[in-house]
């Protein structure tokens, strides 16, 4: 890790909701974020505090527009997704992707047919890489 650069922390469920809003809608004011929530809507101050936490973690930045701040995601969704999945696999499945997938099958979150589709996609991708070399 480079000096002066802090390690990004995992997102809480509420932080993830706000990041998804920013990724899907682009830069937003806190009031706009509140409006995007279904009823019952969280309080303005709750969203404001959470978005500032995201900013302190390095996931969000803001621009000043008049007396207000408009926030935007600076963290890439795919990087966070990958890091989060890696952390879940490490922390809950002994760093075994095989155990994680087995758990999904056992809990009927993924079917055998879906697994076969995934294998087919991987094999096609692998063949595509081989043909490009």
N, C-alpha and C. Protein backbone atom coordinates (compact mmCIF):
# COMPACT_ATOMS: atom_id res chain seq x y z
N UNK A 1 0.85 -1.17 0.00
CA UNK A 1 0.00 0.00 0.00
C UNK A 1 0.89 1.23 0.00
N UNK A 2 0.59 2.20 -0.86
CA UNK A 2 1.39 3.39 -0.99
C UNK A 2 1.19 4.30 0.21
N UNK A 3 2.24 5.06 0.57
CA UNK A 3 2.15 6.00 1.66
C UNK A 3 1.09 7.04 1.33
N UNK A 4 0.30 7.42 2.34
CA UNK A 4 -0.72 8.43 2.15
C UNK A 4 -2.02 7.88 1.58
N UNK A 5 -2.03 6.63 1.21
CA UNK A 5 -3.24 6.04 0.65
C UNK A 5 -3.79 5.05 1.65
N UNK A 6 -5.02 5.28 2.11
CA UNK A 6 -5.60 4.38 3.10
C UNK A 6 -6.31 3.22 2.43
N UNK A 7 -6.30 2.08 3.11
CA UNK A 7 -6.99 0.90 2.62
C UNK A 7 -8.49 1.15 2.70
N UNK A 8 -9.20 0.91 1.59
CA UNK A 8 -10.64 1.11 1.60
C UNK A 8 -11.30 0.02 2.42
N UNK A 9 -12.25 0.45 3.24
CA UNK A 9 -12.95 -0.45 4.13
C UNK A 9 -14.19 -1.01 3.44
N UNK A 10 -14.66 -2.14 3.95
CA UNK A 10 -15.87 -2.74 3.41
C UNK A 10 -17.06 -1.84 3.66
N UNK A 11 -18.08 -2.00 2.85
CA UNK A 11 -19.28 -1.20 2.96
C UNK A 11 -20.32 -1.88 3.84
N UNK A 12 -21.03 -1.07 4.62
CA UNK A 12 -22.18 -1.58 5.36
C UNK A 12 -23.36 -1.68 4.39
N UNK A 13 -24.45 -2.26 4.85
CA UNK A 13 -25.64 -2.39 4.00
C UNK A 13 -26.17 -1.01 3.60
N UNK A 14 -26.23 -0.07 4.55
CA UNK A 14 -26.73 1.28 4.25
C UNK A 14 -25.78 2.02 3.31
N UNK A 15 -24.48 1.84 3.48
CA UNK A 15 -23.51 2.46 2.58
C UNK A 15 -23.65 1.89 1.17
N UNK A 16 -23.88 0.59 1.09
CA UNK A 16 -24.05 -0.05 -0.21
C UNK A 16 -25.27 0.51 -0.93
N UNK A 17 -26.36 0.74 -0.20
CA UNK A 17 -27.56 1.31 -0.80
C UNK A 17 -27.25 2.68 -1.44
N UNK A 18 -26.51 3.52 -0.71
CA UNK A 18 -26.17 4.84 -1.24
C UNK A 18 -25.22 4.74 -2.43
N UNK A 19 -24.25 3.83 -2.35
CA UNK A 19 -23.32 3.66 -3.48
C UNK A 19 -24.09 3.21 -4.72
N UNK A 20 -25.04 2.29 -4.55
CA UNK A 20 -25.84 1.84 -5.69
C UNK A 20 -26.61 2.99 -6.31
N UNK A 21 -27.13 3.87 -5.48
CA UNK A 21 -27.82 5.06 -6.00
C UNK A 21 -26.88 5.91 -6.85
N UNK A 22 -25.69 6.15 -6.32
CA UNK A 22 -24.73 6.99 -7.04
C UNK A 22 -24.27 6.32 -8.33
N UNK A 23 -24.06 5.01 -8.31
CA UNK A 23 -23.65 4.30 -9.52
C UNK A 23 -24.77 4.32 -10.56
N UNK A 24 -25.99 4.17 -10.11
CA UNK A 24 -27.12 4.09 -11.05
C UNK A 24 -27.62 5.44 -11.54
N UNK A 25 -27.53 6.47 -10.70
CA UNK A 25 -28.11 7.77 -11.05
C UNK A 25 -27.08 8.87 -11.29
N UNK A 26 -25.82 8.58 -10.98
CA UNK A 26 -24.81 9.63 -11.12
C UNK A 26 -24.81 10.54 -9.91
N UNK A 27 -24.14 11.69 -10.01
CA UNK A 27 -24.03 12.61 -8.87
C UNK A 27 -25.41 13.03 -8.34
N UNK A 28 -25.52 13.05 -7.00
CA UNK A 28 -26.79 13.38 -6.34
C UNK A 28 -26.57 14.26 -5.12
N UNK A 29 -27.57 15.08 -4.83
CA UNK A 29 -27.63 15.80 -3.57
C UNK A 29 -28.26 14.87 -2.54
N UNK A 30 -28.01 15.14 -1.26
CA UNK A 30 -28.58 14.29 -0.20
C UNK A 30 -30.11 14.25 -0.32
N UNK A 31 -30.75 15.38 -0.60
CA UNK A 31 -32.21 15.43 -0.74
C UNK A 31 -32.68 14.47 -1.84
N UNK A 32 -31.94 14.41 -2.94
CA UNK A 32 -32.30 13.51 -4.03
C UNK A 32 -32.16 12.05 -3.60
N UNK A 33 -31.15 11.77 -2.78
CA UNK A 33 -30.98 10.41 -2.28
C UNK A 33 -32.15 10.02 -1.40
N UNK A 34 -32.54 10.92 -0.52
CA UNK A 34 -33.70 10.65 0.34
C UNK A 34 -34.92 10.36 -0.52
N UNK A 35 -35.13 11.17 -1.56
CA UNK A 35 -36.30 11.00 -2.43
C UNK A 35 -36.30 9.65 -3.16
N UNK A 36 -35.12 9.09 -3.42
CA UNK A 36 -35.03 7.81 -4.13
C UNK A 36 -35.44 6.62 -3.25
N UNK A 37 -35.41 6.81 -1.94
CA UNK A 37 -35.79 5.73 -1.02
C UNK A 37 -37.30 5.53 -1.05
N UNK A 38 -37.74 4.27 -0.91
CA UNK A 38 -39.18 4.03 -0.75
C UNK A 38 -39.60 4.47 0.66
N UNK A 39 -40.89 4.62 0.86
CA UNK A 39 -41.40 4.95 2.20
C UNK A 39 -41.28 3.73 3.10
N UNK A 40 -40.99 3.88 4.35
CA UNK A 40 -40.66 5.12 5.04
C UNK A 40 -39.22 5.56 4.72
N UNK A 41 -39.07 6.79 4.34
CA UNK A 41 -37.77 7.33 3.94
C UNK A 41 -36.89 7.59 5.17
N UNK A 42 -35.59 7.36 5.01
CA UNK A 42 -34.70 7.69 6.13
C UNK A 42 -34.63 9.21 6.31
N UNK A 43 -34.22 9.63 7.47
CA UNK A 43 -34.09 11.05 7.75
C UNK A 43 -32.91 11.65 6.96
N UNK A 44 -33.05 12.88 6.57
CA UNK A 44 -32.01 13.60 5.83
C UNK A 44 -30.66 13.49 6.53
N UNK A 45 -30.65 13.69 7.87
CA UNK A 45 -29.38 13.66 8.61
C UNK A 45 -28.73 12.28 8.60
N UNK A 46 -29.54 11.24 8.56
CA UNK A 46 -29.01 9.88 8.50
C UNK A 46 -28.26 9.67 7.19
N UNK A 47 -28.87 10.09 6.09
CA UNK A 47 -28.23 9.98 4.78
C UNK A 47 -26.98 10.85 4.72
N UNK A 48 -27.09 12.05 5.23
CA UNK A 48 -25.95 12.98 5.23
C UNK A 48 -24.76 12.39 5.99
N UNK A 49 -25.02 11.82 7.14
CA UNK A 49 -23.95 11.21 7.94
C UNK A 49 -23.33 10.02 7.19
N UNK A 50 -24.17 9.17 6.63
CA UNK A 50 -23.68 7.98 5.92
C UNK A 50 -22.85 8.37 4.70
N UNK A 51 -23.29 9.39 3.96
CA UNK A 51 -22.55 9.79 2.76
C UNK A 51 -21.20 10.39 3.15
N UNK A 52 -21.15 11.08 4.28
CA UNK A 52 -19.86 11.63 4.76
C UNK A 52 -18.92 10.50 5.19
N UNK A 53 -19.47 9.45 5.77
CA UNK A 53 -18.65 8.28 6.13
C UNK A 53 -18.06 7.67 4.85
N UNK A 54 -18.89 7.56 3.82
CA UNK A 54 -18.41 7.04 2.53
C UNK A 54 -17.30 7.93 1.96
N UNK A 55 -17.45 9.21 2.13
CA UNK A 55 -16.43 10.14 1.66
C UNK A 55 -15.14 9.95 2.44
N UNK A 56 -15.25 9.78 3.76
CA UNK A 56 -14.06 9.54 4.59
C UNK A 56 -13.37 8.22 4.26
N UNK A 57 -14.15 7.25 3.82
CA UNK A 57 -13.60 5.95 3.42
C UNK A 57 -12.95 6.00 2.03
N UNK A 58 -13.20 7.08 1.29
CA UNK A 58 -12.60 7.22 -0.03
C UNK A 58 -13.45 6.71 -1.18
N UNK A 59 -14.73 6.39 -0.92
CA UNK A 59 -15.61 5.87 -1.96
C UNK A 59 -16.37 6.97 -2.70
N UNK A 60 -16.52 8.12 -2.06
CA UNK A 60 -17.35 9.20 -2.57
C UNK A 60 -16.58 10.51 -2.49
N UNK A 61 -16.88 11.41 -3.41
CA UNK A 61 -16.34 12.76 -3.40
C UNK A 61 -17.51 13.72 -3.59
N UNK A 62 -17.26 15.01 -3.42
CA UNK A 62 -18.35 15.97 -3.61
C UNK A 62 -17.85 17.22 -4.31
N UNK A 63 -18.81 17.93 -4.88
CA UNK A 63 -18.54 19.26 -5.41
C UNK A 63 -19.52 20.21 -4.73
N UNK A 64 -19.03 21.42 -4.46
CA UNK A 64 -19.86 22.42 -3.81
C UNK A 64 -20.62 23.18 -4.89
N UNK A 65 -21.93 23.22 -4.74
CA UNK A 65 -22.80 23.97 -5.65
C UNK A 65 -23.65 24.89 -4.80
N UNK A 66 -23.31 26.14 -4.79
CA UNK A 66 -24.00 27.10 -3.93
C UNK A 66 -23.74 26.75 -2.49
N UNK A 67 -24.80 26.58 -1.73
CA UNK A 67 -24.67 26.23 -0.32
C UNK A 67 -24.81 24.73 -0.09
N UNK A 68 -24.80 23.96 -1.15
CA UNK A 68 -25.04 22.53 -1.05
C UNK A 68 -23.88 21.73 -1.63
N UNK A 69 -23.88 20.43 -1.33
CA UNK A 69 -22.88 19.51 -1.85
C UNK A 69 -23.56 18.45 -2.71
N UNK A 70 -22.98 18.19 -3.86
CA UNK A 70 -23.47 17.11 -4.72
C UNK A 70 -22.40 16.03 -4.68
N UNK A 71 -22.82 14.81 -4.36
CA UNK A 71 -21.91 13.70 -4.16
C UNK A 71 -21.87 12.78 -5.37
N UNK A 72 -20.69 12.20 -5.60
CA UNK A 72 -20.51 11.27 -6.71
C UNK A 72 -19.62 10.11 -6.26
N UNK A 73 -19.87 8.96 -6.84
CA UNK A 73 -19.05 7.78 -6.54
C UNK A 73 -17.69 7.94 -7.22
N UNK A 74 -16.63 7.67 -6.49
CA UNK A 74 -15.30 7.65 -7.10
C UNK A 74 -14.74 6.23 -7.11
N UNK A 75 -15.39 5.34 -6.37
CA UNK A 75 -14.98 3.93 -6.34
C UNK A 75 -15.71 3.20 -7.46
N UNK A 76 -14.99 2.32 -8.13
CA UNK A 76 -15.56 1.53 -9.22
C UNK A 76 -16.35 0.35 -8.66
N UNK A 77 -17.55 0.19 -9.15
CA UNK A 77 -18.45 -0.87 -8.68
C UNK A 77 -17.83 -2.26 -8.81
N UNK A 78 -17.17 -2.54 -9.92
CA UNK A 78 -16.62 -3.89 -10.14
C UNK A 78 -15.49 -4.20 -9.15
N UNK A 79 -14.72 -3.20 -8.79
CA UNK A 79 -13.62 -3.42 -7.84
C UNK A 79 -14.19 -3.72 -6.46
N UNK A 80 -15.20 -2.96 -6.07
CA UNK A 80 -15.83 -3.18 -4.76
C UNK A 80 -16.51 -4.54 -4.73
N UNK A 81 -17.19 -4.89 -5.80
CA UNK A 81 -17.86 -6.20 -5.89
C UNK A 81 -16.84 -7.32 -5.73
N UNK A 82 -15.74 -7.22 -6.43
CA UNK A 82 -14.71 -8.25 -6.38
C UNK A 82 -14.10 -8.34 -4.98
N UNK A 83 -13.78 -7.18 -4.40
CA UNK A 83 -13.18 -7.17 -3.07
C UNK A 83 -14.15 -7.73 -2.03
N UNK A 84 -15.42 -7.36 -2.14
CA UNK A 84 -16.41 -7.83 -1.19
C UNK A 84 -16.59 -9.34 -1.29
N UNK A 85 -16.65 -9.85 -2.52
CA UNK A 85 -16.79 -11.29 -2.71
C UNK A 85 -15.56 -12.02 -2.15
N UNK A 86 -14.40 -11.49 -2.41
CA UNK A 86 -13.16 -12.09 -1.89
C UNK A 86 -13.19 -12.14 -0.37
N UNK A 87 -13.62 -11.05 0.26
CA UNK A 87 -13.69 -11.01 1.73
C UNK A 87 -14.71 -11.99 2.27
N UNK A 88 -15.87 -12.12 1.62
CA UNK A 88 -16.88 -13.08 2.07
C UNK A 88 -16.33 -14.50 1.96
N UNK A 89 -15.70 -14.81 0.84
CA UNK A 89 -15.14 -16.16 0.64
C UNK A 89 -14.08 -16.45 1.70
N UNK A 90 -13.21 -15.48 1.96
CA UNK A 90 -12.15 -15.66 2.95
C UNK A 90 -12.72 -15.81 4.36
N UNK A 91 -13.66 -14.94 4.72
CA UNK A 91 -14.13 -14.88 6.11
C UNK A 91 -15.17 -15.95 6.46
N UNK A 92 -15.95 -16.39 5.47
CA UNK A 92 -17.05 -17.30 5.79
C UNK A 92 -16.91 -18.70 5.18
N UNK A 93 -15.98 -18.85 4.24
CA UNK A 93 -15.84 -20.15 3.58
C UNK A 93 -14.40 -20.64 3.57
N UNK A 94 -13.61 -20.19 4.54
CA UNK A 94 -12.24 -20.67 4.66
C UNK A 94 -11.42 -20.45 3.40
N UNK A 95 -11.70 -19.37 2.70
CA UNK A 95 -10.98 -19.01 1.47
C UNK A 95 -11.19 -20.04 0.35
N UNK A 96 -12.32 -20.77 0.43
CA UNK A 96 -12.62 -21.81 -0.56
C UNK A 96 -13.83 -21.40 -1.40
N UNK A 97 -13.57 -21.10 -2.68
CA UNK A 97 -14.66 -20.79 -3.60
C UNK A 97 -15.53 -22.03 -3.82
N UNK A 98 -14.91 -23.19 -3.76
CA UNK A 98 -15.64 -24.45 -3.92
C UNK A 98 -16.67 -24.60 -2.80
N UNK A 99 -16.29 -24.28 -1.56
CA UNK A 99 -17.22 -24.36 -0.44
C UNK A 99 -18.35 -23.34 -0.60
N UNK A 100 -18.02 -22.16 -1.11
CA UNK A 100 -19.03 -21.12 -1.30
C UNK A 100 -20.06 -21.56 -2.33
N UNK A 101 -19.60 -22.09 -3.44
CA UNK A 101 -20.53 -22.55 -4.49
C UNK A 101 -21.34 -23.74 -3.98
N UNK A 102 -20.71 -24.65 -3.25
CA UNK A 102 -21.43 -25.80 -2.68
C UNK A 102 -22.54 -25.32 -1.74
N UNK A 103 -22.25 -24.29 -0.97
CA UNK A 103 -23.24 -23.73 -0.07
C UNK A 103 -24.42 -23.13 -0.83
N UNK A 104 -24.14 -22.47 -1.94
CA UNK A 104 -25.21 -21.91 -2.77
C UNK A 104 -26.11 -23.01 -3.33
N UNK A 105 -25.49 -24.11 -3.75
CA UNK A 105 -26.27 -25.24 -4.28
C UNK A 105 -27.09 -25.88 -3.16
N UNK A 106 -26.45 -26.10 -2.03
CA UNK A 106 -27.12 -26.73 -0.89
C UNK A 106 -28.31 -25.90 -0.43
N UNK A 107 -28.15 -24.58 -0.40
CA UNK A 107 -29.22 -23.68 0.05
C UNK A 107 -30.20 -23.34 -1.08
N UNK A 108 -30.04 -24.01 -2.22
CA UNK A 108 -30.90 -23.84 -3.39
C UNK A 108 -30.94 -22.39 -3.88
N UNK A 109 -29.79 -21.70 -3.78
CA UNK A 109 -29.66 -20.34 -4.31
C UNK A 109 -29.21 -20.37 -5.77
N UNK A 110 -28.67 -21.53 -6.17
CA UNK A 110 -28.24 -21.71 -7.55
C UNK A 110 -28.52 -23.18 -7.92
N UNK A 111 -28.98 -23.38 -9.14
CA UNK A 111 -29.34 -24.73 -9.58
C UNK A 111 -28.16 -25.39 -10.30
N UNK A 112 -28.27 -26.69 -10.46
CA UNK A 112 -27.26 -27.44 -11.20
C UNK A 112 -27.21 -26.95 -12.65
N UNK A 113 -28.38 -26.65 -13.23
CA UNK A 113 -28.41 -26.14 -14.60
C UNK A 113 -27.68 -24.80 -14.71
N UNK A 114 -27.86 -23.94 -13.70
CA UNK A 114 -27.15 -22.65 -13.72
C UNK A 114 -25.64 -22.85 -13.59
N UNK A 115 -25.24 -23.81 -12.79
CA UNK A 115 -23.81 -24.14 -12.68
C UNK A 115 -23.26 -24.62 -14.02
N UNK A 116 -24.02 -25.44 -14.72
CA UNK A 116 -23.59 -25.92 -16.03
C UNK A 116 -23.45 -24.74 -17.00
N UNK A 117 -24.39 -23.79 -16.94
CA UNK A 117 -24.30 -22.60 -17.79
C UNK A 117 -23.03 -21.80 -17.48
N UNK A 118 -22.73 -21.68 -16.19
CA UNK A 118 -21.52 -20.95 -15.79
C UNK A 118 -20.27 -21.66 -16.31
N UNK A 119 -20.24 -22.97 -16.21
CA UNK A 119 -19.10 -23.74 -16.71
C UNK A 119 -18.96 -23.55 -18.22
N UNK A 120 -20.09 -23.58 -18.94
CA UNK A 120 -20.06 -23.35 -20.39
C UNK A 120 -19.50 -21.97 -20.72
N UNK A 121 -19.92 -20.95 -19.98
CA UNK A 121 -19.41 -19.59 -20.20
C UNK A 121 -17.90 -19.51 -19.96
N UNK A 122 -17.46 -20.17 -18.89
CA UNK A 122 -16.03 -20.17 -18.57
C UNK A 122 -15.25 -20.89 -19.66
N UNK A 123 -15.76 -22.02 -20.13
CA UNK A 123 -15.06 -22.77 -21.18
C UNK A 123 -15.01 -21.97 -22.48
N UNK A 124 -16.09 -21.27 -22.81
CA UNK A 124 -16.09 -20.43 -24.02
C UNK A 124 -15.08 -19.30 -23.89
N UNK A 125 -15.03 -18.69 -22.73
CA UNK A 125 -14.07 -17.60 -22.48
C UNK A 125 -12.64 -18.13 -22.56
N UNK A 126 -12.42 -19.32 -21.97
CA UNK A 126 -11.10 -19.93 -22.01
C UNK A 126 -10.68 -20.25 -23.44
N UNK A 127 -11.61 -20.76 -24.24
CA UNK A 127 -11.32 -21.06 -25.64
C UNK A 127 -11.03 -19.79 -26.41
N UNK A 128 -11.76 -18.74 -26.11
CA UNK A 128 -11.55 -17.44 -26.78
C UNK A 128 -10.14 -16.91 -26.49
N UNK A 129 -9.72 -17.06 -25.24
CA UNK A 129 -8.36 -16.61 -24.85
C UNK A 129 -7.31 -17.43 -25.59
N UNK A 130 -7.53 -18.78 -25.62
CA UNK A 130 -6.58 -19.66 -26.31
C UNK A 130 -6.47 -19.33 -27.79
N UNK A 131 -7.59 -19.00 -28.43
CA UNK A 131 -7.58 -18.69 -29.86
C UNK A 131 -6.94 -17.34 -30.18
N UNK A 132 -6.90 -16.45 -29.19
CA UNK A 132 -6.28 -15.15 -29.40
C UNK A 132 -4.77 -15.17 -29.18
N UNK A 133 -4.25 -16.27 -28.65
CA UNK A 133 -2.79 -16.37 -28.40
C UNK A 133 -2.09 -17.04 -29.53
